[in-house]
Amino acid sequence: MFKMFAILCVLSSADCRVMYEDPPRLFETRADCEAAAVIKFQETQMIMQGTQYHSLDVGCEIAGQHTRL
């Protein structure tokens, strides 16, 4: 099972936050998760339009890794 995460860096690459969906969606395969991550990335870019930020990455990891930040 896989879950999605986003890394948003606001002012610089040193000012980053890892975020998870709440409630989290779980995906059977990495491919399913990565397909959903592309859509989430595009949606987040639209939401962030007009907001200054350094970088945004959306990806997938094995469910159960890391804690919610």
PDB file of N, CA and C in Angstrom:
ATOM      1  N   MET A   1       0.846  -1.175   0.000  1.00  0.00           N
ATOM      2  CA  MET A   1       0.000   0.000   0.000  1.00  0.00           C
ATOM      3  C   MET A   1       0.896   1.244   0.000  1.00  0.00           C
ATOM      4  N   PHE A   2       0.415   2.278  -0.661  1.00  0.00           N
ATOM      5  CA  PHE A   2       1.179   3.520  -0.786  1.00  0.00           C
ATOM      6  C   PHE A   2       0.301   4.699  -0.388  1.00  0.00           C
ATOM      7  N   LYS A   3       0.965   5.757   0.080  1.00  0.00           N
ATOM      8  CA  LYS A   3       0.258   7.000   0.408  1.00  0.00           C
ATOM      9  C   LYS A   3       1.010   8.157  -0.231  1.00  0.00           C
ATOM     10  N   MET A   4       0.306   9.253  -0.415  1.00  0.00           N
ATOM     11  CA  MET A   4       0.834  10.420  -1.079  1.00  0.00           C
ATOM     12  C   MET A   4       1.383  11.412  -0.055  1.00  0.00           C
ATOM     13  N   PHE A   5       2.399  12.166  -0.456  1.00  0.00           N
ATOM     14  CA  PHE A   5       2.919  13.249   0.368  1.00  0.00           C
ATOM     15  C   PHE A   5       3.245  14.432  -0.530  1.00  0.00           C
ATOM     16  N   ALA A   6       3.352  15.596   0.083  1.00  0.00           N
ATOM     17  CA  ALA A   6       3.787  16.795  -0.630  1.00  0.00           C
ATOM     18  C   ALA A   6       4.878  17.460   0.194  1.00  0.00           C
ATOM     19  N   ILE A   7       5.861  17.999  -0.497  1.00  0.00           N
ATOM     20  CA  ILE A   7       6.902  18.792   0.145  1.00  0.00           C
ATOM     21  C   ILE A   7       6.777  20.198  -0.414  1.00  0.00           C
ATOM     22  N   LEU A   8       6.463  21.144   0.455  1.00  0.00           N
ATOM     23  CA  LEU A   8       6.288  22.539   0.069  1.00  0.00           C
ATOM     24  C   LEU A   8       7.379  23.359   0.735  1.00  0.00           C
ATOM     25  N   CYS A   9       8.168  24.044  -0.072  1.00  0.00           N
ATOM     26  CA  CYS A   9       9.218  24.931   0.422  1.00  0.00           C
ATOM     27  C   CYS A   9       8.750  26.360   0.168  1.00  0.00           C
ATOM     28  N   VAL A  10       8.624  27.126   1.233  1.00  0.00           N
ATOM     29  CA  VAL A  10       8.030  28.456   1.117  1.00  0.00           C
ATOM     30  C   VAL A  10       9.052  29.494   0.659  1.00  0.00           C
ATOM     31  N   LEU A  11      10.032  29.802   1.477  1.00  0.00           N
ATOM     32  CA  LEU A  11      10.973  30.865   1.149  1.00  0.00           C
ATOM     33  C   LEU A  11      12.260  30.364   0.519  1.00  0.00           C
ATOM     34  N   SER A  12      12.700  29.176   0.907  1.00  0.00           N
ATOM     35  CA  SER A  12      13.939  28.615   0.382  1.00  0.00           C
ATOM     36  C   SER A  12      13.882  27.096   0.521  1.00  0.00           C
ATOM     37  N   SER A  13      14.918  26.449   0.035  1.00  0.00           N
ATOM     38  CA  SER A  13      14.944  24.993   0.163  1.00  0.00           C
ATOM     39  C   SER A  13      15.196  24.568   1.600  1.00  0.00           C
ATOM     40  N   ALA A  14      15.531  25.521   2.478  1.00  0.00           N
ATOM     41  CA  ALA A  14      15.733  25.205   3.896  1.00  0.00           C
ATOM     42  C   ALA A  14      14.446  25.362   4.704  1.00  0.00           C
ATOM     43  N   ASP A  15      13.420  25.933   4.107  1.00  0.00           N
ATOM     44  CA  ASP A  15      12.147  26.178   4.802  1.00  0.00           C
ATOM     45  C   ASP A  15      11.057  25.323   4.173  1.00  0.00           C
ATOM     46  N   CYS A  16      11.143  24.024   4.405  1.00  0.00           N
ATOM     47  CA  CYS A  16      10.227  23.074   3.753  1.00  0.00           C
ATOM     48  C   CYS A  16       9.366  22.345   4.780  1.00  0.00           C
ATOM     49  N   ARG A  17       8.186  21.932   4.326  1.00  0.00           N
ATOM     50  CA  ARG A  17       7.282  21.144   5.158  1.00  0.00           C
ATOM     51  C   ARG A  17       6.814  19.930   4.362  1.00  0.00           C
ATOM     52  N   VAL A  18       6.781  18.798   5.047  1.00  0.00           N
ATOM     53  CA  VAL A  18       6.229  17.576   4.449  1.00  0.00           C
ATOM     54  C   VAL A  18       4.791  17.469   4.928  1.00  0.00           C
ATOM     55  N   MET A  19       3.881  17.292   3.999  1.00  0.00           N
ATOM     56  CA  MET A  19       2.463  17.224   4.335  1.00  0.00           C
ATOM     57  C   MET A  19       1.851  15.952   3.756  1.00  0.00           C
ATOM     58  N   TYR A  20       0.825  15.473   4.433  1.00  0.00           N
ATOM     59  CA  TYR A  20       0.093  14.280   4.005  1.00  0.00           C
ATOM     60  C   TYR A  20      -1.382  14.608   3.904  1.00  0.00           C
ATOM     61  N   GLU A  21      -2.090  13.887   3.056  1.00  0.00           N
ATOM     62  CA  GLU A  21      -3.540  14.064   2.961  1.00  0.00           C
ATOM     63  C   GLU A  21      -4.188  13.667   4.288  1.00  0.00           C
ATOM     64  N   ASP A  22      -5.243  14.355   4.634  1.00  0.00           N
ATOM     65  CA  ASP A  22      -5.971  14.050   5.865  1.00  0.00           C
ATOM     66  C   ASP A  22      -7.456  14.125   5.557  1.00  0.00           C
ATOM     67  N   PRO A  23      -8.137  13.017   5.498  1.00  0.00           N
ATOM     68  CA  PRO A  23      -7.676  11.659   5.783  1.00  0.00           C
ATOM     69  C   PRO A  23      -6.824  11.144   4.629  1.00  0.00           C
ATOM     70  N   PRO A  24      -5.882  10.271   4.934  1.00  0.00           N
ATOM     71  CA  PRO A  24      -4.989   9.762   3.889  1.00  0.00           C
ATOM     72  C   PRO A  24      -5.699   8.777   2.961  1.00  0.00           C
ATOM     73  N   ARG A  25      -5.384   8.886   1.692  1.00  0.00           N
ATOM     74  CA  ARG A  25      -5.844   7.872   0.734  1.00  0.00           C
ATOM     75  C   ARG A  25      -4.745   6.829   0.621  1.00  0.00           C
ATOM     76  N   LEU A  26      -5.128   5.577   0.547  1.00  0.00           N
ATOM     77  CA  LEU A  26      -4.168   4.496   0.359  1.00  0.00           C
ATOM     78  C   LEU A  26      -4.365   3.914  -1.038  1.00  0.00           C
ATOM     79  N   PHE A  27      -3.255   3.600  -1.689  1.00  0.00           N
ATOM     80  CA  PHE A  27      -3.273   3.083  -3.054  1.00  0.00           C
ATOM     81  C   PHE A  27      -2.633   1.695  -3.074  1.00  0.00           C
ATOM     82  N   GLU A  28      -3.210   0.802  -3.850  1.00  0.00           N
ATOM     83  CA  GLU A  28      -2.717  -0.574  -3.945  1.00  0.00           C
ATOM     84  C   GLU A  28      -1.326  -0.641  -4.565  1.00  0.00           C
ATOM     85  N   THR A  29      -1.087   0.190  -5.573  1.00  0.00           N
ATOM     86  CA  THR A  29       0.194   0.145  -6.280  1.00  0.00           C
ATOM     87  C   THR A  29       0.833   1.525  -6.312  1.00  0.00           C
ATOM     88  N   ARG A  30       2.159   1.541  -6.473  1.00  0.00           N
ATOM     89  CA  ARG A  30       2.872   2.811  -6.606  1.00  0.00           C
ATOM     90  C   ARG A  30       2.384   3.553  -7.859  1.00  0.00           C
ATOM     91  N   ALA A  31       2.108   2.816  -8.926  1.00  0.00           N
ATOM     92  CA  ALA A  31       1.641   3.433 -10.175  1.00  0.00           C
ATOM     93  C   ALA A  31       0.321   4.174  -9.959  1.00  0.00           C
ATOM     94  N   ASP A  32      -0.612   3.575  -9.215  1.00  0.00           N
ATOM     95  CA  ASP A  32      -1.889   4.239  -8.921  1.00  0.00           C
ATOM     96  C   ASP A  32      -1.653   5.506  -8.105  1.00  0.00           C
ATOM     97  N   CYS A  33      -0.761   5.410  -7.134  1.00  0.00           N
ATOM     98  CA  CYS A  33      -0.455   6.554  -6.283  1.00  0.00           C
ATOM     99  C   CYS A  33       0.196   7.672  -7.097  1.00  0.00           C
ATOM    100  N   GLU A  34       1.144   7.317  -7.943  1.00  0.00           N
ATOM    101  CA  GLU A  34       1.837   8.325  -8.740  1.00  0.00           C
ATOM    102  C   GLU A  34       0.905   9.012  -9.733  1.00  0.00           C
ATOM    103  N   ALA A  35      -0.062   8.277 -10.271  1.00  0.00           N
ATOM    104  CA  ALA A  35      -1.050   8.883 -11.167  1.00  0.00           C
ATOM    105  C   ALA A  35      -1.889   9.910 -10.407  1.00  0.00           C
ATOM    106  N   ALA A  36      -2.287   9.565  -9.185  1.00  0.00           N
ATOM    107  CA  ALA A  36      -3.053  10.503  -8.350  1.00  0.00           C
ATOM    108  C   ALA A  36      -2.182  11.672  -7.918  1.00  0.00           C
ATOM    109  N   ALA A  37      -0.883  11.446  -7.723  1.00  0.00           N
ATOM    110  CA  ALA A  37       0.037  12.504  -7.307  1.00  0.00           C
ATOM    111  C   ALA A  37       0.180  13.570  -8.399  1.00  0.00           C
ATOM    112  N   VAL A  38       0.154  13.160  -9.656  1.00  0.00           N
ATOM    113  CA  VAL A  38       0.213  14.125 -10.761  1.00  0.00           C
ATOM    114  C   VAL A  38      -0.988  15.062 -10.697  1.00  0.00           C
ATOM    115  N   ILE A  39      -2.165  14.504 -10.467  1.00  0.00           N
ATOM    116  CA  ILE A  39      -3.387  15.309 -10.365  1.00  0.00           C
ATOM    117  C   ILE A  39      -3.314  16.219  -9.148  1.00  0.00           C
ATOM    118  N   LYS A  40      -2.861  15.691  -8.005  1.00  0.00           N
ATOM    119  CA  LYS A  40      -2.740  16.490  -6.782  1.00  0.00           C
ATOM    120  C   LYS A  40      -1.764  17.644  -6.990  1.00  0.00           C
ATOM    121  N   PHE A  41      -0.656  17.395  -7.685  1.00  0.00           N
ATOM    122  CA  PHE A  41       0.335  18.433  -7.974  1.00  0.00           C
ATOM    123  C   PHE A  41      -0.310  19.555  -8.781  1.00  0.00           C
ATOM    124  N   GLN A  42      -1.047  19.204  -9.826  1.00  0.00           N
ATOM    125  CA  GLN A  42      -1.697  20.204 -10.678  1.00  0.00           C
ATOM    126  C   GLN A  42      -2.746  20.992  -9.895  1.00  0.00           C
ATOM    127  N   GLU A  43      -3.550  20.295  -9.077  1.00  0.00           N
ATOM    128  CA  GLU A  43      -4.570  20.971  -8.269  1.00  0.00           C
ATOM    129  C   GLU A  43      -3.927  21.919  -7.263  1.00  0.00           C
ATOM    130  N   THR A  44      -2.833  21.480  -6.646  1.00  0.00           N
ATOM    131  CA  THR A  44      -2.154  22.307  -5.651  1.00  0.00           C
ATOM    132  C   THR A  44      -1.522  23.528  -6.300  1.00  0.00           C
ATOM    133  N   GLN A  45      -0.953  23.364  -7.476  1.00  0.00           N
ATOM    134  CA  GLN A  45      -0.401  24.511  -8.195  1.00  0.00           C
ATOM    135  C   GLN A  45      -1.479  25.552  -8.472  1.00  0.00           C
ATOM    136  N   MET A  46      -2.670  25.100  -8.862  1.00  0.00           N
ATOM    137  CA  MET A  46      -3.773  26.026  -9.128  1.00  0.00           C
ATOM    138  C   MET A  46      -4.188  26.748  -7.849  1.00  0.00           C
ATOM    139  N   ILE A  47      -4.271  26.019  -6.734  1.00  0.00           N
ATOM    140  CA  ILE A  47      -4.645  26.614  -5.451  1.00  0.00           C
ATOM    141  C   ILE A  47      -3.595  27.632  -5.009  1.00  0.00           C
ATOM    142  N   MET A  48      -2.321  27.337  -5.272  1.00  0.00           N
ATOM    143  CA  MET A  48      -1.218  28.182  -4.823  1.00  0.00           C
ATOM    144  C   MET A  48      -0.954  29.360  -5.770  1.00  0.00           C
ATOM    145  N   GLN A  49      -1.695  29.434  -6.869  1.00  0.00           N
ATOM    146  CA  GLN A  49      -1.493  30.513  -7.827  1.00  0.00           C
ATOM    147  C   GLN A  49      -1.615  31.853  -7.115  1.00  0.00           C
ATOM    148  N   GLY A  50      -0.637  32.733  -7.329  1.00  0.00           N
ATOM    149  CA  GLY A  50      -0.640  34.041  -6.678  1.00  0.00           C
ATOM    150  C   GLY A  50       0.051  34.022  -5.326  1.00  0.00           C
ATOM    151  N   THR A  51       0.442  32.837  -4.847  1.00  0.00           N
ATOM    152  CA  THR A  51       1.163  32.699  -3.584  1.00  0.00           C
ATOM    153  C   THR A  51       2.625  32.430  -3.921  1.00  0.00           C
ATOM    154  N   GLN A  52       3.512  33.135  -3.255  1.00  0.00           N
ATOM    155  CA  GLN A  52       4.930  32.932  -3.504  1.00  0.00           C
ATOM    156  C   GLN A  52       5.438  31.716  -2.742  1.00  0.00           C
ATOM    157  N   TYR A  53       6.076  30.801  -3.449  1.00  0.00           N
ATOM    158  CA  TYR A  53       6.702  29.652  -2.813  1.00  0.00           C
ATOM    159  C   TYR A  53       7.920  29.248  -3.637  1.00  0.00           C
ATOM    160  N   HIS A  54       8.849  28.584  -2.996  1.00  0.00           N
ATOM    161  CA  HIS A  54      10.118  28.214  -3.626  1.00  0.00           C
ATOM    162  C   HIS A  54       9.963  26.959  -4.487  1.00  0.00           C
ATOM    163  N   SER A  55       9.355  25.905  -3.919  1.00  0.00           N
ATOM    164  CA  SER A  55       9.179  24.674  -4.695  1.00  0.00           C
ATOM    165  C   SER A  55       8.060  23.818  -4.115  1.00  0.00           C
ATOM    166  N   LEU A  56       7.538  22.937  -4.958  1.00  0.00           N
ATOM    167  CA  LEU A  56       6.481  22.009  -4.578  1.00  0.00           C
ATOM    168  C   LEU A  56       6.787  20.674  -5.228  1.00  0.00           C
ATOM    169  N   ASP A  57       6.808  19.622  -4.445  1.00  0.00           N
ATOM    170  CA  ASP A  57       6.964  18.259  -4.953  1.00  0.00           C
ATOM    171  C   ASP A  57       5.863  17.401  -4.352  1.00  0.00           C
ATOM    172  N   VAL A  58       5.300  16.525  -5.150  1.00  0.00           N
ATOM    173  CA  VAL A  58       4.291  15.580  -4.677  1.00  0.00           C
ATOM    174  C   VAL A  58       4.774  14.196  -5.097  1.00  0.00           C
ATOM    175  N   GLY A  59       4.697  13.247  -4.168  1.00  0.00           N
ATOM    176  CA  GLY A  59       5.167  11.902  -4.470  1.00  0.00           C
ATOM    177  C   GLY A  59       4.462  10.857  -3.640  1.00  0.00           C
ATOM    178  N   CYS A  60       5.001   9.652  -3.672  1.00  0.00           N
ATOM    179  CA  CYS A  60       4.386   8.521  -2.980  1.00  0.00           C
ATOM    180  C   CYS A  60       5.425   7.780  -2.158  1.00  0.00           C
ATOM    181  N   GLU A  61       4.979   7.206  -1.060  1.00  0.00           N
ATOM    182  CA  GLU A  61       5.843   6.378  -0.215  1.00  0.00           C
ATOM    183  C   GLU A  61       5.024   5.202   0.296  1.00  0.00           C
ATOM    184  N   ILE A  62       5.711   4.207   0.797  1.00  0.00           N
ATOM    185  CA  ILE A  62       5.039   3.052   1.353  1.00  0.00           C
ATOM    186  C   ILE A  62       4.241   3.491   2.575  1.00  0.00           C
ATOM    187  N   ALA A  63       2.978   3.119   2.650  1.00  0.00           N
ATOM    188  CA  ALA A  63       2.127   3.483   3.797  1.00  0.00           C
ATOM    189  C   ALA A  63       2.729   2.908   5.065  1.00  0.00           C
ATOM    190  N   GLY A  64       2.699   3.688   6.120  1.00  0.00           N
ATOM    191  CA  GLY A  64       3.261   3.234   7.388  1.00  0.00           C
ATOM    192  C   GLY A  64       4.606   3.877   7.655  1.00  0.00           C
ATOM    193  N   GLN A  65       5.232   4.448   6.625  1.00  0.00           N
ATOM    194  CA  GLN A  65       6.501   5.148   6.826  1.00  0.00           C
ATOM    195  C   GLN A  65       6.244   6.551   7.320  1.00  0.00           C
ATOM    196  N   HIS A  66       7.097   7.035   8.179  1.00  0.00           N
ATOM    197  CA  HIS A  66       7.077   8.394   8.692  1.00  0.00           C
ATOM    198  C   HIS A  66       5.810   8.680   9.503  1.00  0.00           C
ATOM    199  N   THR A  67       5.832   9.738  10.216  1.00  0.00           N
ATOM    200  CA  THR A  67       4.667  10.166  10.974  1.00  0.00           C
ATOM    201  C   THR A  67       4.124  11.434  10.349  1.00  0.00           C
ATOM    202  N   ARG A  68       2.910  11.733  10.644  1.00  0.00           N
ATOM    203  CA  ARG A  68       2.289  12.934  10.109  1.00  0.00           C
ATOM    204  C   ARG A  68       2.948  14.152  10.726  1.00  0.00           C
ATOM    205  N   LEU A  69       3.318  15.121   9.887  1.00  0.00           N
ATOM    206  CA  LEU A  69       3.969  16.342  10.368  1.00  0.00           C
ATOM    207  C   LEU A  69       3.002  17.489  10.388  1.00  0.00           C
TER     208      LEU A  69
END
